[in-house]
Amino acid sequence: MDPLLMKLTRLRGVGKTLAARLTDAGLDSFEKIAAAGREGLKNIRGINPRAIPSILSQAAELSEDAPVKTVRQVHDHTSLLADRIQAIAGNVRDRFGDELQGKAAKKVEKEVLRIAGFLDQASSKFRKKKKRVVKRLVKAEKRLAAAEGEGLKKIGKRLKKTRKSLAKISVPR
């Protein structure tokens, strides 16, 4: 079998016949398939219309520029989380200045420092499973966003959940 056709069969929903039809239509790489879009793939005979979105997303992930895009996403989300952590720390100082002596304040400070340290270390170590990393970073962002405007105890709990969400990211050594 032609190596080009074998490459295209890596897409779920694309077999030998459909791969041959795609190459006949000039769509011989993942980049070209992703660029063709929904309308371009509709014109290919024998393609399941319900499989088109899946094929397009897979082609976008497997294209040559996809790793650069996910690395950029990881960096963007990491820096956004770091900024949001700094904003929450400043907000806590402003809102609860007189209450920052208790147990809840110490927990908040501890979680902020742990998350900030994790983000500093981890931003340079994310090499594999970038999709999973981006997913976890987005989840952590949502948890941090929910912490804004809460009381000191709730902020501490949200920060702990955020840290645990980040800890689930497997950082290869």
Protein backbone atom coordinates (compact mmCIF):
# COMPACT_ATOMS: atom_id res chain seq x y z
CA MET A 1 0.00 0.00 0.00
CA ASP A 2 1.16 3.53 -0.80
CA PRO A 3 2.74 5.24 2.25
CA LEU A 4 0.68 8.36 1.57
CA LEU A 5 -2.54 6.35 1.74
CA MET A 6 -1.32 4.64 4.93
CA LYS A 7 -0.72 8.05 6.45
CA LEU A 8 -4.28 9.17 5.69
CA THR A 9 -5.78 5.98 7.12
CA ARG A 10 -4.55 7.13 10.54
CA LEU A 11 -7.68 9.26 10.56
CA ARG A 12 -10.56 7.45 12.22
CA GLY A 13 -13.27 6.93 9.60
CA VAL A 14 -10.88 6.93 6.65
CA GLY A 15 -10.09 3.60 5.06
CA LYS A 16 -8.05 2.66 1.98
CA THR A 17 -10.79 3.60 -0.48
CA LEU A 18 -11.59 6.95 1.09
CA ALA A 19 -7.88 7.74 1.44
CA ALA A 20 -7.47 7.10 -2.31
CA ARG A 21 -10.43 9.38 -3.06
CA LEU A 22 -8.99 12.10 -0.85
CA THR A 23 -5.62 11.97 -2.62
CA ASP A 24 -7.38 11.99 -6.01
CA ALA A 25 -9.12 15.19 -4.90
CA GLY A 26 -5.75 16.74 -4.03
CA LEU A 27 -6.12 16.33 -0.28
CA ASP A 28 -2.95 14.35 0.31
CA SER A 29 -1.91 15.75 3.70
CA PHE A 30 -3.52 16.46 7.03
CA GLU A 31 -2.97 20.19 6.52
CA LYS A 32 -4.85 20.15 3.20
CA ILE A 33 -7.71 18.13 4.68
CA ALA A 34 -8.02 20.55 7.60
CA ALA A 35 -7.86 23.52 5.21
CA ALA A 36 -10.51 22.02 2.91
CA GLY A 37 -13.07 22.29 5.67
CA ARG A 38 -16.56 20.90 5.79
CA GLU A 39 -17.50 22.02 2.25
CA GLY A 40 -14.37 20.55 0.72
CA LEU A 41 -14.96 17.16 2.30
CA LYS A 42 -18.67 17.10 1.40
CA ASN A 43 -17.66 16.87 -2.26
CA ILE A 44 -15.70 13.64 -1.72
CA ARG A 45 -17.75 10.64 -2.80
CA GLY A 46 -18.38 8.05 -0.11
CA ILE A 47 -17.60 10.18 2.92
CA ASN A 48 -20.08 9.99 5.78
CA PRO A 49 -21.38 13.53 6.44
CA ARG A 50 -21.55 12.82 10.17
CA ALA A 51 -17.87 11.83 10.20
CA ILE A 52 -16.69 15.09 8.63
CA PRO A 53 -16.28 17.08 11.89
CA SER A 54 -14.32 14.22 13.46
CA ILE A 55 -12.08 13.87 10.42
CA LEU A 56 -11.44 17.62 10.35
CA SER A 57 -10.51 17.78 14.03
CA GLN A 58 -8.23 14.75 13.73
CA ALA A 59 -6.55 16.23 10.66
CA ALA A 60 -6.00 19.52 12.49
CA GLU A 61 -4.42 17.67 15.42
CA LEU A 62 -2.17 15.59 13.17
CA SER A 63 -1.07 18.48 10.97
CA GLU A 64 2.51 19.71 11.17
CA ASP A 65 1.67 22.98 12.96
CA ALA A 66 -0.48 21.28 15.63
CA PRO A 67 2.36 20.69 18.12
CA VAL A 68 3.36 24.35 17.92
CA LYS A 69 -0.26 25.34 18.47
CA THR A 70 -0.67 23.13 21.55
CA VAL A 71 2.64 24.30 23.03
CA ARG A 72 1.44 27.87 22.56
CA GLN A 73 -1.89 26.97 24.19
CA VAL A 74 -0.11 25.42 27.17
CA HIS A 75 2.04 28.52 27.54
CA ASP A 76 -0.96 30.87 27.20
CA HIS A 77 -3.04 28.97 29.75
CA THR A 78 -0.13 28.70 32.15
CA SER A 79 0.57 32.42 32.01
CA LEU A 80 -3.15 33.19 32.35
CA LEU A 81 -3.33 31.00 35.46
CA ALA A 82 -0.25 32.67 36.94
CA ASP A 83 -1.77 36.11 36.35
CA ARG A 84 -5.07 35.04 37.85
CA ILE A 85 -3.32 33.61 40.93
CA GLN A 86 -1.51 36.93 41.40
CA ALA A 87 -4.79 38.81 41.05
CA ILE A 88 -6.51 36.57 43.60
CA ALA A 89 -3.62 37.00 46.05
CA GLY A 90 -3.83 40.80 45.68
CA ASN A 91 -7.60 40.71 45.99
CA VAL A 92 -7.40 38.63 49.17
CA ARG A 93 -4.90 41.10 50.67
CA ASP A 94 -7.16 44.06 49.80
CA ARG A 95 -10.44 42.52 50.97
CA PHE A 96 -9.31 40.59 54.01
CA GLY A 97 -6.32 42.60 55.24
CA ASP A 98 -7.38 42.51 58.87
CA GLU A 99 -8.37 38.82 58.80
CA LEU A 100 -5.09 37.55 57.34
CA GLN A 101 -3.88 36.21 60.68
CA GLY A 102 -6.14 33.16 60.98
CA LYS A 103 -5.96 29.57 59.85
CA ALA A 104 -7.98 30.20 56.65
CA ALA A 105 -5.57 32.96 55.60
CA LYS A 106 -2.59 30.66 56.08
CA LYS A 107 -4.28 28.00 53.95
CA VAL A 108 -4.96 30.52 51.18
CA GLU A 109 -1.38 31.76 51.25
CA LYS A 110 -0.05 28.20 51.21
CA GLU A 111 -2.23 27.22 48.23
CA VAL A 112 -1.31 30.36 46.28
CA LEU A 113 2.39 29.67 46.78
CA ARG A 114 2.04 25.99 45.86
CA ILE A 115 0.10 26.76 42.68
CA ALA A 116 2.51 29.53 41.66
CA GLY A 117 5.49 27.25 42.27
CA PHE A 118 3.89 24.42 40.32
CA LEU A 119 3.17 26.72 37.36
CA ASP A 120 6.73 28.06 37.36
CA GLN A 121 8.19 24.55 37.33
CA ALA A 122 5.68 22.93 35.07
CA SER A 123 5.56 25.46 32.24
CA SER A 124 8.97 24.27 31.06
CA LYS A 125 8.31 20.55 31.63
CA PHE A 126 5.15 19.98 29.57
CA ARG A 127 6.35 17.87 26.68
CA LYS A 128 3.90 14.99 26.23
CA LYS A 129 0.13 14.75 26.37
CA LYS A 130 -0.35 18.43 25.55
CA LYS A 131 -4.07 17.98 24.92
CA ARG A 132 -4.55 16.61 28.41
CA VAL A 133 -2.46 19.44 29.83
CA VAL A 134 -4.55 22.09 28.06
CA LYS A 135 -7.75 20.41 29.28
CA ARG A 136 -6.52 20.41 32.89
CA LEU A 137 -5.35 24.01 32.64
CA VAL A 138 -8.76 25.10 31.36
CA LYS A 139 -10.41 23.26 34.24
CA ALA A 140 -8.09 24.96 36.71
CA GLU A 141 -8.91 28.35 35.16
CA LYS A 142 -12.63 27.71 35.66
CA ARG A 143 -12.06 26.76 39.28
CA LEU A 144 -10.03 29.90 39.87
CA ALA A 145 -12.66 32.06 38.20
CA ALA A 146 -15.25 30.67 40.62
CA ALA A 147 -13.07 31.78 43.56
CA GLU A 148 -13.38 35.47 42.76
CA GLY A 149 -15.77 37.28 45.03
CA GLU A 150 -15.96 34.43 47.56
CA GLY A 151 -15.18 34.50 51.24
CA LEU A 152 -11.76 33.64 52.61
CA LYS A 153 -12.61 30.01 53.45
CA LYS A 154 -14.24 29.38 50.07
CA ILE A 155 -11.27 30.94 48.27
CA GLY A 156 -9.00 28.52 50.14
CA LYS A 157 -11.15 25.57 49.10
CA ARG A 158 -11.25 26.71 45.45
CA LEU A 159 -7.49 27.14 45.42
CA LYS A 160 -7.04 23.65 46.83
CA LYS A 161 -9.29 22.21 44.12
CA THR A 162 -7.36 24.17 41.51
CA ARG A 163 -4.07 22.80 42.80
CA LYS A 164 -5.42 19.25 42.80
CA SER A 165 -6.64 19.70 39.24
CA LEU A 166 -3.16 20.85 38.23
CA ALA A 167 -1.54 17.98 40.12
CA LYS A 168 -3.41 15.52 37.90
CA ILE A 169 -1.37 16.69 34.96
CA SER A 170 1.32 14.11 34.47
CA VAL A 171 4.59 15.97 34.18
CA PRO A 172 7.17 13.69 32.52
CA ARG A 173 10.60 13.68 34.12
